[in-house]
């Protein structure tokens, strides 16, 4: 039988936290009389991920797993999911995860950047101003920018 060091995890972004994701480590203990293989089952489009997704825990030993929470800000402020540890020749074990964060709201001050006429192959840069619409700190990230 495999046992988790924590059956429940809570992730919370403090107001001064500037990270995109939070991490917590758990341990998987093997109380079986044999090496035990496992794999994690994570819901599609989950805000949580786990490394490693599958592994083996030797007799009487423990293995660490790192759980990552990256919130989707278009969703509600509390994001709860159940991650399932499937155990070979055993019963599954659930890990409940709850992630919370402060509400944030930002807007671009201008919705258009005018680069004028730029020849092909010439690099052009522009400045985007982001305005925080609330009194609480807001963190934003730009993803998938073209090179």
Protein backbone atom coordinates (compact mmCIF):
# COMPACT_ATOMS: atom_id res chain seq x y z
CA UNK A 1 0.00 0.00 0.00
CA UNK A 2 1.26 3.46 -0.90
CA UNK A 3 0.48 6.33 1.43
CA UNK A 4 0.71 10.08 0.77
CA UNK A 5 2.44 12.34 3.31
CA UNK A 6 -0.46 14.81 2.90
CA UNK A 7 -3.98 13.93 1.65
CA UNK A 8 -4.83 17.63 1.11
CA UNK A 9 -2.78 20.53 -0.23
CA UNK A 10 -3.59 24.23 -0.11
CA UNK A 11 -1.91 26.73 -2.40
CA UNK A 12 -2.30 30.47 -1.79
CA UNK A 13 -0.66 33.42 -3.49
CA UNK A 14 0.25 36.14 -0.99
CA UNK A 15 -0.11 39.74 -2.16
CA UNK A 16 3.67 40.12 -2.44
CA UNK A 17 4.16 36.89 -4.43
CA UNK A 18 5.29 37.65 -8.00
CA UNK A 19 5.53 34.05 -9.20
CA UNK A 20 3.38 32.54 -11.92
CA UNK A 21 3.10 29.19 -10.11
CA UNK A 22 3.32 27.71 -6.62
CA UNK A 23 4.96 24.39 -5.75
CA UNK A 24 4.59 21.90 -2.90
CA UNK A 25 6.39 18.64 -2.33
CA UNK A 26 4.76 15.51 -0.99
CA UNK A 27 6.17 12.08 -0.25
CA UNK A 28 4.80 8.72 -1.32
CA UNK A 29 5.62 6.03 1.27
CA UNK A 30 5.66 2.33 0.39
CA UNK A 31 4.23 0.09 3.15
CA UNK A 32 3.94 -2.91 0.78
CA UNK A 33 6.08 -6.05 0.92
CA UNK A 34 7.18 -5.38 -2.69
CA UNK A 35 8.29 -2.58 -4.99
CA UNK A 36 5.18 -0.70 -6.08
CA UNK A 37 4.54 1.11 -9.37
CA UNK A 38 2.23 4.10 -9.60
CA UNK A 39 1.00 6.74 -12.02
CA UNK A 40 -0.91 9.97 -11.47
CA UNK A 41 -4.24 10.69 -13.13
CA UNK A 42 -4.77 14.43 -13.61
CA UNK A 43 -7.98 15.94 -15.06
CA UNK A 44 -7.76 17.42 -18.56
CA UNK A 45 -7.09 21.18 -18.59
CA UNK A 46 -5.95 20.96 -14.97
CA UNK A 47 -4.29 23.89 -13.24
CA UNK A 48 -2.12 21.32 -11.44
CA UNK A 49 0.76 19.21 -12.66
CA UNK A 50 2.96 16.61 -10.95
CA UNK A 51 6.52 15.45 -11.46
CA UNK A 52 7.14 12.58 -11.84
CA UNK A 53 3.87 11.37 -13.35
CA UNK A 54 4.85 7.74 -12.84
CA UNK A 55 7.54 5.93 -10.89
CA UNK A 56 8.26 2.98 -8.62
CA UNK A 57 8.69 3.13 -4.85
CA UNK A 58 10.96 0.43 -3.44
CA UNK A 59 10.02 -1.66 -0.38
CA UNK A 60 9.95 0.44 2.80
CA UNK A 61 11.13 3.62 1.04
CA UNK A 62 9.65 6.98 0.03
CA UNK A 63 9.65 8.99 -3.16
CA UNK A 64 9.06 12.70 -3.52
CA UNK A 65 6.63 14.28 -5.95
CA UNK A 66 6.42 17.97 -6.80
CA UNK A 67 2.94 19.44 -7.32
CA UNK A 68 2.69 22.68 -9.31
CA UNK A 69 -0.32 25.02 -9.24
CA UNK A 70 -0.68 27.58 -12.04
CA UNK A 71 -4.04 29.36 -11.81
CA UNK A 72 -6.15 30.27 -14.77
CA UNK A 73 -7.22 33.81 -13.98
CA UNK A 74 -10.32 33.68 -16.14
CA UNK A 75 -11.80 31.16 -13.73
CA UNK A 76 -13.08 31.55 -10.20
CA UNK A 77 -10.67 32.55 -7.42
CA UNK A 78 -10.70 29.14 -5.72
CA UNK A 79 -9.58 26.26 -7.88
CA UNK A 80 -10.06 22.82 -6.39
CA UNK A 81 -9.21 19.51 -8.04
CA UNK A 82 -8.68 15.91 -7.04
CA UNK A 83 -5.57 14.20 -8.38
CA UNK A 84 -5.59 10.41 -8.30
CA UNK A 85 -2.59 8.21 -7.52
CA UNK A 86 -3.23 4.94 -9.37
CA UNK A 87 -1.35 2.07 -7.73
CA UNK A 88 -0.48 -1.09 -9.64
CA UNK A 89 -2.35 -4.01 -8.02
CA UNK A 90 -3.81 -1.67 -5.39
CA UNK A 91 -6.49 0.86 -4.65
CA UNK A 92 -6.22 4.43 -5.91
CA UNK A 93 -5.43 7.25 -3.48
CA UNK A 94 -6.81 10.78 -3.91
CA UNK A 95 -4.92 14.01 -3.34
CA UNK A 96 -7.21 17.03 -2.89
CA UNK A 97 -5.69 20.33 -4.00
CA UNK A 98 -7.14 23.78 -3.39
CA UNK A 99 -5.53 26.86 -4.91
CA UNK A 100 -6.62 30.41 -4.09
CA UNK A 101 -5.45 33.85 -5.09
CA UNK A 102 -6.48 37.48 -4.73
CA UNK A 103 -8.65 38.90 -7.46
CA UNK A 104 -6.76 41.04 -9.95
CA UNK A 105 -7.92 43.20 -12.82
CA UNK A 106 -5.70 44.96 -15.33
CA UNK A 107 -6.26 46.69 -18.63
CA UNK A 108 -4.10 48.02 -21.41
CA UNK A 109 -4.10 51.82 -21.52
CA UNK A 110 -3.97 51.70 -25.33
CA UNK A 111 -5.26 48.76 -27.35
CA UNK A 112 -3.15 49.54 -30.44
CA UNK A 113 0.58 50.00 -30.99
CA UNK A 114 1.41 51.93 -34.17
CA UNK A 115 4.74 50.82 -35.62
CA UNK A 116 4.40 52.96 -38.73
CA UNK A 117 6.07 51.55 -41.84
CA UNK A 118 8.60 48.84 -41.02
CA UNK A 119 10.59 46.95 -43.64
CA UNK A 120 10.70 43.17 -43.56
CA UNK A 121 13.56 41.92 -41.40
CA UNK A 122 13.84 45.14 -39.40
CA UNK A 123 13.17 44.87 -35.68
CA UNK A 124 10.62 47.28 -34.22
CA UNK A 125 9.69 47.66 -30.57
CA UNK A 126 6.72 49.23 -28.86
CA UNK A 127 5.69 49.95 -25.31
CA UNK A 128 2.53 48.64 -23.72
CA UNK A 129 1.22 50.29 -20.56
CA UNK A 130 -0.76 48.10 -18.19
CA UNK A 131 -3.06 49.71 -15.63
CA UNK A 132 -4.06 47.98 -12.39
CA UNK A 133 -7.81 48.55 -11.96
CA UNK A 134 -7.94 47.42 -8.31
CA UNK A 135 -6.19 48.45 -5.10
CA UNK A 136 -4.57 45.04 -4.59
CA UNK A 137 -1.28 44.13 -6.28
CA UNK A 138 -1.67 42.46 -9.66
CA UNK A 139 0.79 40.13 -11.38
CA UNK A 140 0.65 39.50 -15.12
CA UNK A 141 2.68 37.47 -17.59
CA UNK A 142 3.00 37.67 -21.35
CA UNK A 143 3.04 34.25 -22.94
CA UNK A 144 3.70 32.91 -26.41
CA UNK A 145 5.36 36.00 -27.78
CA UNK A 146 6.78 35.53 -31.25
CA UNK A 147 10.60 35.66 -31.41
